[in-house]
Amino acid sequence: MAEITAALVKELRERTGLGMMDCKKALTAADGDIEKAIDDMRAAGAIKAAKKAGNIAAEGAVAVKVADDNKVAVIIEVNSQTDFLALQDDFKGFVAASLEQAFNEKLTDAAPLVESREEARLALVAKTGENVNIRRLTRVEGDVVGAYLHGHRIGVVVNLKGGNPELAKDIAMHVAASNPQFLNASQVSEEAIAKEKEIFLALNADKIAGKPENIVENMVKGRIAKFLAEASLVEQSFVKDPEVKVGDLAKKAGAEIVSFVRYEVGEGIEKAEVDFAAEVAAQVAATKQ
């Protein structure tokens, strides 16, 4: 057996773009023959996948599975480079299998799922030519758990104490539509309130100029109260009946909202902005050289 040196692993990494452990494994299988290792990697589609790994994947799908007894749910987000791929059967199959595994293995973090699904991910990347990533997952357990999927882009899981699955699903639907930042006002940090006050004062500098301090303070209090109502799930007007607050809806059904999880595809991922005109111009200029 040939010795697999650090220098050899480093060279293979530089030539293929794959991770250290993958390179070491390939070199071991090839008995230290770097050219054979590269051929084997290429045959397996791994090099193509590695080159695609640098591409930003901000599209994709959210998927949810709820247990038959409505006491457990798992929600995951899997990203792709284009929404087109997210609608294809190969991608859907990868998402479904990943969700099923996460659910059955009672995973609470994406890391072990990412590791165990890496071979399948690489095969999908090699086949489709797009980068694909398992981004995140959350497992929710409670008295009553309900979920709602809006297409493949928004998913919500709601955890209730009391109530029933239909109520949980209705509230999840509301969360999908209204996107509350917090469950209730007590969860809103002092920093968030201070920031809202700062923004209000800056935007209304002309209106409050010269007004007595107590008047300004009342204006600020009014804005903060409105902010808390808009940002807190329990204070929001229910989308199906605007006369009823979501918190009151739950209480009337003998339930309490314990928590909610809302995933939207690509949220928080910085997407690369492509200037196609500049790109075309550069290509044209290159052909004239």
C-alpha atoms as a PDB file:
ATOM      1  CA  MET A   1       0.000   0.000   0.000  1.00  0.00           C
ATOM      2  CA  ALA A   2       1.462   3.331  -1.070  1.00  0.00           C
ATOM      3  CA  GLU A   3       1.867   6.057   1.534  1.00  0.00           C
ATOM      4  CA  ILE A   4      -0.803   8.761   1.226  1.00  0.00           C
ATOM      5  CA  THR A   5       1.149  11.894   2.069  1.00  0.00           C
ATOM      6  CA  ALA A   6      -0.245  15.301   2.971  1.00  0.00           C
ATOM      7  CA  ALA A   7       1.414  16.742  -0.128  1.00  0.00           C
ATOM      8  CA  LEU A   8      -0.381  14.219  -2.336  1.00  0.00           C
ATOM      9  CA  VAL A   9      -3.725  15.012  -0.722  1.00  0.00           C
ATOM     10  CA  LYS A  10      -3.039  18.735  -1.151  1.00  0.00           C
ATOM     11  CA  GLU A  11      -2.252  18.310  -4.837  1.00  0.00           C
ATOM     12  CA  LEU A  12      -5.426  16.335  -5.445  1.00  0.00           C
ATOM     13  CA  ARG A  13      -7.480  18.942  -3.607  1.00  0.00           C
ATOM     14  CA  GLU A  14      -6.034  21.710  -5.760  1.00  0.00           C
ATOM     15  CA  ARG A  15      -6.673  19.796  -8.965  1.00  0.00           C
ATOM     16  CA  THR A  16     -10.234  18.685  -8.188  1.00  0.00           C
ATOM     17  CA  GLY A  17     -11.684  21.173  -5.687  1.00  0.00           C
ATOM     18  CA  LEU A  18     -12.868  18.350  -3.424  1.00  0.00           C
ATOM     19  CA  GLY A  19     -12.494  18.130   0.345  1.00  0.00           C
ATOM     20  CA  MET A  20      -9.498  16.693   2.149  1.00  0.00           C
ATOM     21  CA  MET A  21     -11.242  13.535   3.372  1.00  0.00           C
ATOM     22  CA  ASP A  22     -12.692  12.826  -0.076  1.00  0.00           C
ATOM     23  CA  CYS A  23      -9.247  13.217  -1.637  1.00  0.00           C
ATOM     24  CA  LYS A  24      -7.605  10.988   0.937  1.00  0.00           C
ATOM     25  CA  LYS A  25     -10.265   8.327   0.439  1.00  0.00           C
ATOM     26  CA  ALA A  26      -9.860   8.461  -3.346  1.00  0.00           C
ATOM     27  CA  LEU A  27      -6.077   8.219  -3.106  1.00  0.00           C
ATOM     28  CA  THR A  28      -6.325   5.261  -0.737  1.00  0.00           C
ATOM     29  CA  ALA A  29      -8.663   3.464  -3.144  1.00  0.00           C
ATOM     30  CA  ALA A  30      -6.265   4.221  -6.005  1.00  0.00           C
ATOM     31  CA  ASP A  31      -3.240   3.056  -4.005  1.00  0.00           C
ATOM     32  CA  GLY A  32      -1.670   6.497  -4.161  1.00  0.00           C
ATOM     33  CA  ASP A  33      -2.029   6.889  -7.942  1.00  0.00           C
ATOM     34  CA  ILE A  34      -3.248  10.474  -8.297  1.00  0.00           C
ATOM     35  CA  GLU A  35      -4.175  10.146 -11.973  1.00  0.00           C
ATOM     36  CA  LYS A  36      -6.278   7.064 -11.265  1.00  0.00           C
ATOM     37  CA  ALA A  37      -7.898   8.855  -8.316  1.00  0.00           C
ATOM     38  CA  ILE A  38      -8.859  11.742 -10.613  1.00  0.00           C
ATOM     39  CA  ASP A  39     -10.258   9.339 -13.209  1.00  0.00           C
ATOM     40  CA  ASP A  40     -12.290   7.551 -10.547  1.00  0.00           C
ATOM     41  CA  MET A  41     -13.622  10.859  -9.211  1.00  0.00           C
ATOM     42  CA  ARG A  42     -14.538  12.028 -12.687  1.00  0.00           C
ATOM     43  CA  ALA A  43     -16.338   8.758 -13.399  1.00  0.00           C
ATOM     44  CA  ALA A  44     -18.325   9.177 -10.200  1.00  0.00           C
ATOM     45  CA  GLY A  45     -19.254  12.766 -11.095  1.00  0.00           C
ATOM     46  CA  ALA A  46     -17.585  14.073  -7.947  1.00  0.00           C
ATOM     47  CA  ILE A  47     -15.332  16.614  -9.679  1.00  0.00           C
ATOM     48  CA  LYS A  48     -18.236  18.142 -11.548  1.00  0.00           C
ATOM     49  CA  ALA A  49     -20.100  18.385  -8.251  1.00  0.00           C
ATOM     50  CA  ALA A  50     -17.143  20.010  -6.536  1.00  0.00           C
ATOM     51  CA  LYS A  51     -16.867  22.678  -9.218  1.00  0.00           C
ATOM     52  CA  LYS A  52     -20.559  23.432  -8.837  1.00  0.00           C
ATOM     53  CA  ALA A  53     -20.235  23.739  -5.056  1.00  0.00           C
ATOM     54  CA  GLY A  54     -19.104  27.354  -5.345  1.00  0.00           C
ATOM     55  CA  ASN A  55     -22.291  28.381  -7.132  1.00  0.00           C
ATOM     56  CA  ILE A  56     -24.873  30.150  -4.995  1.00  0.00           C
ATOM     57  CA  ALA A  57     -27.952  28.013  -4.343  1.00  0.00           C
ATOM     58  CA  ALA A  58     -30.742  30.334  -3.195  1.00  0.00           C
ATOM     59  CA  GLU A  59     -33.747  28.635  -4.789  1.00  0.00           C
ATOM     60  CA  GLY A  60     -35.110  25.209  -3.884  1.00  0.00           C
ATOM     61  CA  ALA A  61     -37.894  23.841  -1.738  1.00  0.00           C
ATOM     62  CA  VAL A  62     -39.257  23.592   1.786  1.00  0.00           C
ATOM     63  CA  ALA A  63     -40.810  20.284   2.841  1.00  0.00           C
ATOM     64  CA  VAL A  64     -42.690  19.201   5.970  1.00  0.00           C
ATOM     65  CA  LYS A  65     -43.704  15.879   7.460  1.00  0.00           C
ATOM     66  CA  VAL A  66     -46.172  15.576  10.351  1.00  0.00           C
ATOM     67  CA  ALA A  67     -46.644  12.390  12.352  1.00  0.00           C
ATOM     68  CA  ASP A  68     -50.005  10.644  12.157  1.00  0.00           C
ATOM     69  CA  ASP A  69     -50.693  11.512  15.794  1.00  0.00           C
ATOM     70  CA  ASN A  70     -49.901  15.209  15.159  1.00  0.00           C
ATOM     71  CA  LYS A  71     -47.345  15.324  17.955  1.00  0.00           C
ATOM     72  CA  VAL A  72     -44.166  15.531  15.868  1.00  0.00           C
ATOM     73  CA  ALA A  73     -43.188  17.400  12.716  1.00  0.00           C
ATOM     74  CA  VAL A  74     -39.977  17.980  10.771  1.00  0.00           C
ATOM     75  CA  ILE A  75     -39.436  20.852   8.368  1.00  0.00           C
ATOM     76  CA  ILE A  76     -36.425  21.132   6.045  1.00  0.00           C
ATOM     77  CA  GLU A  77     -35.091  23.451   3.372  1.00  0.00           C
ATOM     78  CA  VAL A  78     -33.058  22.139   0.449  1.00  0.00           C
ATOM     79  CA  ASN A  79     -31.562  24.678  -1.939  1.00  0.00           C
ATOM     80  CA  SER A  80     -30.888  24.593  -5.672  1.00  0.00           C
ATOM     81  CA  GLN A  81     -29.542  27.219  -8.044  1.00  0.00           C
ATOM     82  CA  THR A  82     -32.769  27.583 -10.019  1.00  0.00           C
ATOM     83  CA  ASP A  83     -36.456  27.274  -9.304  1.00  0.00           C
ATOM     84  CA  PHE A  84     -36.684  25.145 -12.449  1.00  0.00           C
ATOM     85  CA  LEU A  85     -34.691  22.358 -10.802  1.00  0.00           C
ATOM     86  CA  ALA A  86     -36.824  22.611  -7.661  1.00  0.00           C
ATOM     87  CA  LEU A  87     -39.799  21.502  -9.756  1.00  0.00           C
ATOM     88  CA  GLN A  88     -38.066  18.458 -11.262  1.00  0.00           C
ATOM     89  CA  ASP A  89     -38.658  14.888 -10.059  1.00  0.00           C
ATOM     90  CA  ASP A  90     -34.988  14.175  -9.318  1.00  0.00           C
ATOM     91  CA  PHE A  91     -34.776  17.115  -6.949  1.00  0.00           C
ATOM     92  CA  LYS A  92     -38.169  16.370  -5.387  1.00  0.00           C
ATOM     93  CA  GLY A  93     -37.071  12.783  -4.785  1.00  0.00           C
ATOM     94  CA  PHE A  94     -33.879  13.934  -3.061  1.00  0.00           C
ATOM     95  CA  VAL A  95     -35.861  16.306  -0.834  1.00  0.00           C
ATOM     96  CA  ALA A  96     -38.454  13.655   0.036  1.00  0.00           C
ATOM     97  CA  ALA A  97     -35.815  11.043   0.901  1.00  0.00           C
ATOM     98  CA  SER A  98     -33.880  13.566   3.011  1.00  0.00           C
ATOM     99  CA  LEU A  99     -37.025  14.573   4.891  1.00  0.00           C
ATOM    100  CA  GLU A 100     -38.013  10.956   5.507  1.00  0.00           C
ATOM    101  CA  GLN A 101     -34.551  10.142   6.869  1.00  0.00           C
ATOM    102  CA  ALA A 102     -34.519  13.201   9.129  1.00  0.00           C
ATOM    103  CA  PHE A 103     -37.951  12.276  10.463  1.00  0.00           C
ATOM    104  CA  ASN A 104     -37.210   8.585  11.051  1.00  0.00           C
ATOM    105  CA  GLU A 105     -33.831   9.230  12.671  1.00  0.00           C
ATOM    106  CA  LYS A 106     -35.315  11.940  14.908  1.00  0.00           C
ATOM    107  CA  LEU A 107     -32.700  14.449  13.784  1.00  0.00           C
ATOM    108  CA  THR A 108     -32.765  17.903  15.354  1.00  0.00           C
ATOM    109  CA  ASP A 109     -29.903  19.399  13.354  1.00  0.00           C
ATOM    110  CA  ALA A 110     -29.033  19.423   9.659  1.00  0.00           C
ATOM    111  CA  ALA A 111     -25.353  18.464  10.074  1.00  0.00           C
ATOM    112  CA  PRO A 112     -25.774  14.653  10.372  1.00  0.00           C
ATOM    113  CA  LEU A 113     -28.292  14.669   7.528  1.00  0.00           C
ATOM    114  CA  VAL A 114     -25.914  16.642   5.313  1.00  0.00           C
ATOM    115  CA  GLU A 115     -23.138  14.149   6.030  1.00  0.00           C
ATOM    116  CA  SER A 116     -25.190  11.025   5.403  1.00  0.00           C
ATOM    117  CA  ARG A 117     -26.813  12.376   2.225  1.00  0.00           C
ATOM    118  CA  GLU A 118     -23.576  13.605   0.659  1.00  0.00           C
ATOM    119  CA  GLU A 119     -23.208  10.745  -1.819  1.00  0.00           C
ATOM    120  CA  ALA A 120     -26.780  11.200  -3.041  1.00  0.00           C
ATOM    121  CA  ARG A 121     -26.271  14.961  -3.227  1.00  0.00           C
ATOM    122  CA  LEU A 122     -23.131  14.595  -5.337  1.00  0.00           C
ATOM    123  CA  ALA A 123     -24.939  12.249  -7.702  1.00  0.00           C
ATOM    124  CA  LEU A 124     -27.777  14.762  -8.088  1.00  0.00           C
ATOM    125  CA  VAL A 125     -25.362  17.632  -8.714  1.00  0.00           C
ATOM    126  CA  ALA A 126     -23.485  15.592 -11.297  1.00  0.00           C
ATOM    127  CA  LYS A 127     -26.726  14.664 -13.058  1.00  0.00           C
ATOM    128  CA  THR A 128     -28.373  18.101 -13.049  1.00  0.00           C
ATOM    129  CA  GLY A 129     -25.331  20.382 -13.302  1.00  0.00           C
ATOM    130  CA  GLU A 130     -26.613  22.552 -10.437  1.00  0.00           C
ATOM    131  CA  ASN A 131     -25.367  23.005  -6.913  1.00  0.00           C
ATOM    132  CA  VAL A 132     -27.709  21.495  -4.300  1.00  0.00           C
ATOM    133  CA  ASN A 133     -27.479  21.917  -0.522  1.00  0.00           C
ATOM    134  CA  ILE A 134     -29.429  20.730   2.488  1.00  0.00           C
ATOM    135  CA  ARG A 135     -29.566  24.024   4.366  1.00  0.00           C
ATOM    136  CA  ARG A 136     -31.509  23.532   7.603  1.00  0.00           C
ATOM    137  CA  LEU A 137     -34.059  21.482   9.490  1.00  0.00           C
ATOM    138  CA  THR A 138     -36.162  21.800  12.621  1.00  0.00           C
ATOM    139  CA  ARG A 139     -37.913  19.043  14.558  1.00  0.00           C
ATOM    140  CA  VAL A 140     -40.968  20.096  16.570  1.00  0.00           C
ATOM    141  CA  GLU A 141     -42.597  17.983  19.268  1.00  0.00           C
ATOM    142  CA  GLY A 142     -45.634  18.975  21.302  1.00  0.00           C
ATOM    143  CA  ASP A 143     -49.175  18.368  22.440  1.00  0.00           C
ATOM    144  CA  VAL A 144     -50.676  19.298  19.065  1.00  0.00           C
ATOM    145  CA  VAL A 145     -48.545  20.008  16.006  1.00  0.00           C
ATOM    146  CA  GLY A 146     -49.859  21.243  12.677  1.00  0.00           C
ATOM    147  CA  ALA A 147     -48.254  22.396   9.437  1.00  0.00           C
ATOM    148  CA  TYR A 148     -48.963  24.273   6.241  1.00  0.00           C
ATOM    149  CA  LEU A 149     -47.076  24.378   2.936  1.00  0.00           C
ATOM    150  CA  HIS A 150     -47.576  27.232   0.502  1.00  0.00           C
ATOM    151  CA  GLY A 151     -46.444  25.659  -2.737  1.00  0.00           C
ATOM    152  CA  HIS A 152     -42.838  24.569  -2.355  1.00  0.00           C
ATOM    153  CA  ARG A 153     -41.448  27.911  -1.154  1.00  0.00           C
ATOM    154  CA  ILE A 154     -42.963  28.557   2.295  1.00  0.00           C
ATOM    155  CA  GLY A 155     -43.521  26.057   5.095  1.00  0.00           C
ATOM    156  CA  VAL A 156     -44.756  26.558   8.657  1.00  0.00           C
ATOM    157  CA  VAL A 157     -45.048  24.315  11.704  1.00  0.00           C
ATOM    158  CA  VAL A 158     -47.132  25.418  14.690  1.00  0.00           C
ATOM    159  CA  ASN A 159     -46.969  23.839  18.142  1.00  0.00           C
ATOM    160  CA  LEU A 160     -50.063  24.141  20.361  1.00  0.00           C
ATOM    161  CA  LYS A 161     -50.901  23.204  23.927  1.00  0.00           C
ATOM    162  CA  GLY A 162     -54.480  22.022  23.614  1.00  0.00           C
ATOM    163  CA  GLY A 163     -56.642  22.633  20.587  1.00  0.00           C
ATOM    164  CA  ASN A 164     -56.607  20.364  17.535  1.00  0.00           C
ATOM    165  CA  PRO A 165     -54.646  19.776  14.296  1.00  0.00           C
ATOM    166  CA  GLU A 166     -57.095  21.823  12.220  1.00  0.00           C
ATOM    167  CA  LEU A 167     -56.551  24.873  14.444  1.00  0.00           C
ATOM    168  CA  ALA A 168     -52.788  24.392  14.283  1.00  0.00           C
ATOM    169  CA  LYS A 169     -52.950  24.217  10.489  1.00  0.00           C
ATOM    170  CA  ASP A 170     -55.107  27.374  10.308  1.00  0.00           C
ATOM    171  CA  ILE A 171     -52.615  29.279  12.443  1.00  0.00           C
ATOM    172  CA  ALA A 172     -49.755  27.900  10.360  1.00  0.00           C
ATOM    173  CA  MET A 173     -51.516  29.213   7.247  1.00  0.00           C
ATOM    174  CA  HIS A 174     -51.776  32.620   8.895  1.00  0.00           C
ATOM    175  CA  VAL A 175     -48.055  32.570   9.754  1.00  0.00           C
ATOM    176  CA  ALA A 176     -47.216  31.738   6.145  1.00  0.00           C
ATOM    177  CA  ALA A 177     -49.211  34.737   4.928  1.00  0.00           C
ATOM    178  CA  SER A 178     -48.349  37.305   7.611  1.00  0.00           C
ATOM    179  CA  ASN A 179     -44.777  36.347   8.536  1.00  0.00           C
ATOM    180  CA  PRO A 180     -44.775  37.455  12.204  1.00  0.00           C
ATOM    181  CA  GLN A 181     -41.342  38.076  13.693  1.00  0.00           C
ATOM    182  CA  PHE A 182     -42.238  36.966  17.219  1.00  0.00           C
ATOM    183  CA  LEU A 183     -44.783  34.829  19.055  1.00  0.00           C
ATOM    184  CA  ASN A 184     -45.748  37.566  21.500  1.00  0.00           C
ATOM    185  CA  ALA A 185     -44.592  40.981  22.711  1.00  0.00           C
ATOM    186  CA  SER A 186     -42.541  39.486  25.553  1.00  0.00           C
ATOM    187  CA  GLN A 187     -40.176  37.958  22.995  1.00  0.00           C
ATOM    188  CA  VAL A 188     -39.377  41.315  21.417  1.00  0.00           C
ATOM    189  CA  SER A 189     -35.958  42.447  22.595  1.00  0.00           C
ATOM    190  CA  GLU A 190     -35.197  45.905  23.956  1.00  0.00           C
ATOM    191  CA  GLU A 191     -32.761  46.298  21.066  1.00  0.00           C
ATOM    192  CA  ALA A 192     -35.533  45.704  18.518  1.00  0.00           C
ATOM    193  CA  ILE A 193     -37.804  48.229  20.246  1.00  0.00           C
ATOM    194  CA  ALA A 194     -35.001  50.798  20.476  1.00  0.00           C
ATOM    195  CA  LYS A 195     -34.255  50.312  16.773  1.00  0.00           C
ATOM    196  CA  GLU A 196     -37.913  50.810  15.868  1.00  0.00           C
ATOM    197  CA  LYS A 197     -37.994  54.005  17.948  1.00  0.00           C
ATOM    198  CA  GLU A 198     -34.861  55.272  16.227  1.00  0.00           C
ATOM    199  CA  ILE A 199     -36.336  54.590  12.786  1.00  0.00           C
ATOM    200  CA  PHE A 200     -39.622  56.291  13.701  1.00  0.00           C
ATOM    201  CA  LEU A 201     -37.883  59.430  14.957  1.00  0.00           C
ATOM    202  CA  ALA A 202     -35.689  59.614  11.869  1.00  0.00           C
ATOM    203  CA  LEU A 203     -38.595  59.206   9.448  1.00  0.00           C
ATOM    204  CA  ASN A 204     -40.802  61.724  11.270  1.00  0.00           C
ATOM    205  CA  ALA A 205     -38.214  64.367  12.127  1.00  0.00           C
ATOM    206  CA  ASP A 206     -40.204  67.097  10.351  1.00  0.00           C
ATOM    207  CA  LYS A 207     -43.493  66.165  12.047  1.00  0.00           C
ATOM    208  CA  ILE A 208     -42.106  66.157  15.582  1.00  0.00           C
ATOM    209  CA  ALA A 209     -39.899  69.226  15.244  1.00  0.00           C
ATOM    210  CA  GLY A 210     -40.906  71.805  17.854  1.00  0.00           C
ATOM    211  CA  LYS A 211     -43.507  69.564  19.524  1.00  0.00           C
ATOM    212  CA  PRO A 212     -43.504  69.238  23.347  1.00  0.00           C
ATOM    213  CA  GLU A 213     -41.575  66.280  24.724  1.00  0.00           C
ATOM    214  CA  ASN A 214     -44.676  64.588  26.147  1.00  0.00           C
ATOM    215  CA  ILE A 215     -46.420  64.746  22.752  1.00  0.00           C
ATOM    216  CA  VAL A 216     -43.414  63.201  21.040  1.00  0.00           C
ATOM    217  CA  GLU A 217     -43.249  60.487  23.679  1.00  0.00           C
ATOM    218  CA  ASN A 218     -46.909  59.611  23.113  1.00  0.00           C
ATOM    219  CA  MET A 219     -46.317  59.439  19.364  1.00  0.00           C
ATOM    220  CA  VAL A 220     -43.400  57.069  19.963  1.00  0.00           C
ATOM    221  CA  LYS A 221     -45.474  54.910  22.332  1.00  0.00           C
ATOM    222  CA  GLY A 222     -48.197  54.667  19.718  1.00  0.00           C
ATOM    223  CA  ARG A 223     -45.723  53.579  17.059  1.00  0.00           C
ATOM    224  CA  ILE A 224     -44.125  50.982  19.353  1.00  0.00           C
ATOM    225  CA  ALA A 225     -47.550  49.575  20.259  1.00  0.00           C
ATOM    226  CA  LYS A 226     -48.358  49.272  16.555  1.00  0.00           C
ATOM    227  CA  PHE A 227     -44.979  47.647  15.894  1.00  0.00           C
ATOM    228  CA  LEU A 228     -45.535  45.047  18.627  1.00  0.00           C
ATOM    229  CA  ALA A 229     -48.986  44.245  17.271  1.00  0.00           C
ATOM    230  CA  GLU A 230     -47.702  43.877  13.725  1.00  0.00           C
ATOM    231  CA  ALA A 231     -44.678  41.798  14.699  1.00  0.00           C
ATOM    232  CA  SER A 232     -46.291  39.500  17.301  1.00  0.00           C
ATOM    233  CA  LEU A 233     -48.308  36.495  16.115  1.00  0.00           C
ATOM    234  CA  VAL A 234     -50.812  36.536  18.970  1.00  0.00           C
ATOM    235  CA  GLU A 235     -51.608  40.229  18.366  1.00  0.00           C
ATOM    236  CA  GLN A 236     -52.118  39.957  14.618  1.00  0.00           C
ATOM    237  CA  SER A 237     -55.582  39.917  13.067  1.00  0.00           C
ATOM    238  CA  PHE A 238     -56.381  36.413  11.839  1.00  0.00           C
ATOM    239  CA  VAL A 239     -56.270  36.276   8.029  1.00  0.00           C
ATOM    240  CA  LYS A 240     -59.538  34.327   7.804  1.00  0.00           C
ATOM    241  CA  ASP A 241     -61.356  36.651  10.227  1.00  0.00           C
ATOM    242  CA  PRO A 242     -59.718  40.075  10.716  1.00  0.00           C
ATOM    243  CA  GLU A 243     -62.065  40.823  13.635  1.00  0.00           C
ATOM    244  CA  VAL A 244     -60.304  38.183  15.733  1.00  0.00           C
ATOM    245  CA  LYS A 245     -56.709  38.232  16.961  1.00  0.00           C
ATOM    246  CA  VAL A 246     -54.747  35.017  16.498  1.00  0.00           C
ATOM    247  CA  GLY A 247     -54.115  34.736  20.253  1.00  0.00           C
ATOM    248  CA  ASP A 248     -57.829  35.050  20.973  1.00  0.00           C
ATOM    249  CA  LEU A 249     -58.629  32.495  18.279  1.00  0.00           C
ATOM    250  CA  ALA A 250     -56.450  29.973  20.092  1.00  0.00           C
ATOM    251  CA  LYS A 251     -57.918  30.803  23.515  1.00  0.00           C
ATOM    252  CA  LYS A 252     -61.489  30.337  22.270  1.00  0.00           C
ATOM    253  CA  ALA A 253     -60.511  26.845  21.171  1.00  0.00           C
ATOM    254  CA  GLY A 254     -58.960  26.078  24.545  1.00  0.00           C
ATOM    255  CA  ALA A 255     -55.443  26.248  23.149  1.00  0.00           C
ATOM    256  CA  GLU A 256     -52.219  28.137  23.690  1.00  0.00           C
ATOM    257  CA  ILE A 257     -49.665  28.788  20.959  1.00  0.00           C
ATOM    258  CA  VAL A 258     -46.358  27.411  22.216  1.00  0.00           C
ATOM    259  CA  SER A 259     -44.149  28.124  19.188  1.00  0.00           C
ATOM    260  CA  PHE A 260     -43.967  28.370  15.424  1.00  0.00           C
ATOM    261  CA  VAL A 261     -41.325  27.772  12.777  1.00  0.00           C
ATOM    262  CA  ARG A 262     -41.500  29.465   9.400  1.00  0.00           C
ATOM    263  CA  TYR A 263     -39.161  28.629   6.511  1.00  0.00           C
ATOM    264  CA  GLU A 264     -39.091  30.543   3.242  1.00  0.00           C
ATOM    265  CA  VAL A 265     -36.820  29.394   0.431  1.00  0.00           C
ATOM    266  CA  GLY A 266     -33.646  31.418   0.183  1.00  0.00           C
ATOM    267  CA  GLU A 267     -34.344  33.843   3.024  1.00  0.00           C
ATOM    268  CA  GLY A 268     -31.095  35.287   4.327  1.00  0.00           C
ATOM    269  CA  ILE A 269     -29.036  33.997   1.391  1.00  0.00           C
ATOM    270  CA  GLU A 270     -27.254  36.745  -0.496  1.00  0.00           C
ATOM    271  CA  LYS A 271     -27.913  36.201  -4.181  1.00  0.00           C
ATOM    272  CA  ALA A 272     -25.341  37.146  -6.767  1.00  0.00           C
ATOM    273  CA  GLU A 273     -26.510  39.905  -9.093  1.00  0.00           C
ATOM    274  CA  VAL A 274     -25.562  39.207 -12.673  1.00  0.00           C
ATOM    275  CA  ASP A 275     -25.182  42.125 -15.086  1.00  0.00           C
ATOM    276  CA  PHE A 276     -25.997  40.274 -18.297  1.00  0.00           C
ATOM    277  CA  ALA A 277     -25.379  43.315 -20.505  1.00  0.00           C
ATOM    278  CA  ALA A 278     -21.869  43.702 -19.108  1.00  0.00           C
ATOM    279  CA  GLU A 279     -21.275  39.964 -19.405  1.00  0.00           C
ATOM    280  CA  VAL A 280     -22.274  39.932 -23.089  1.00  0.00           C
ATOM    281  CA  ALA A 281     -20.191  43.042 -23.774  1.00  0.00           C
ATOM    282  CA  ALA A 282     -17.163  41.394 -22.190  1.00  0.00           C
ATOM    283  CA  GLN A 283     -17.628  38.271 -24.288  1.00  0.00           C
ATOM    284  CA  VAL A 284     -17.924  40.332 -27.486  1.00  0.00           C
ATOM    285  CA  ALA A 285     -14.806  42.308 -26.580  1.00  0.00           C
ATOM    286  CA  ALA A 286     -12.921  39.085 -25.962  1.00  0.00           C
ATOM    287  CA  THR A 287     -13.711  37.798 -29.453  1.00  0.00           C
ATOM    288  CA  LYS A 288     -12.196  40.942 -30.990  1.00  0.00           C
ATOM    289  CA  GLN A 289      -8.822  40.526 -29.306  1.00  0.00           C
END
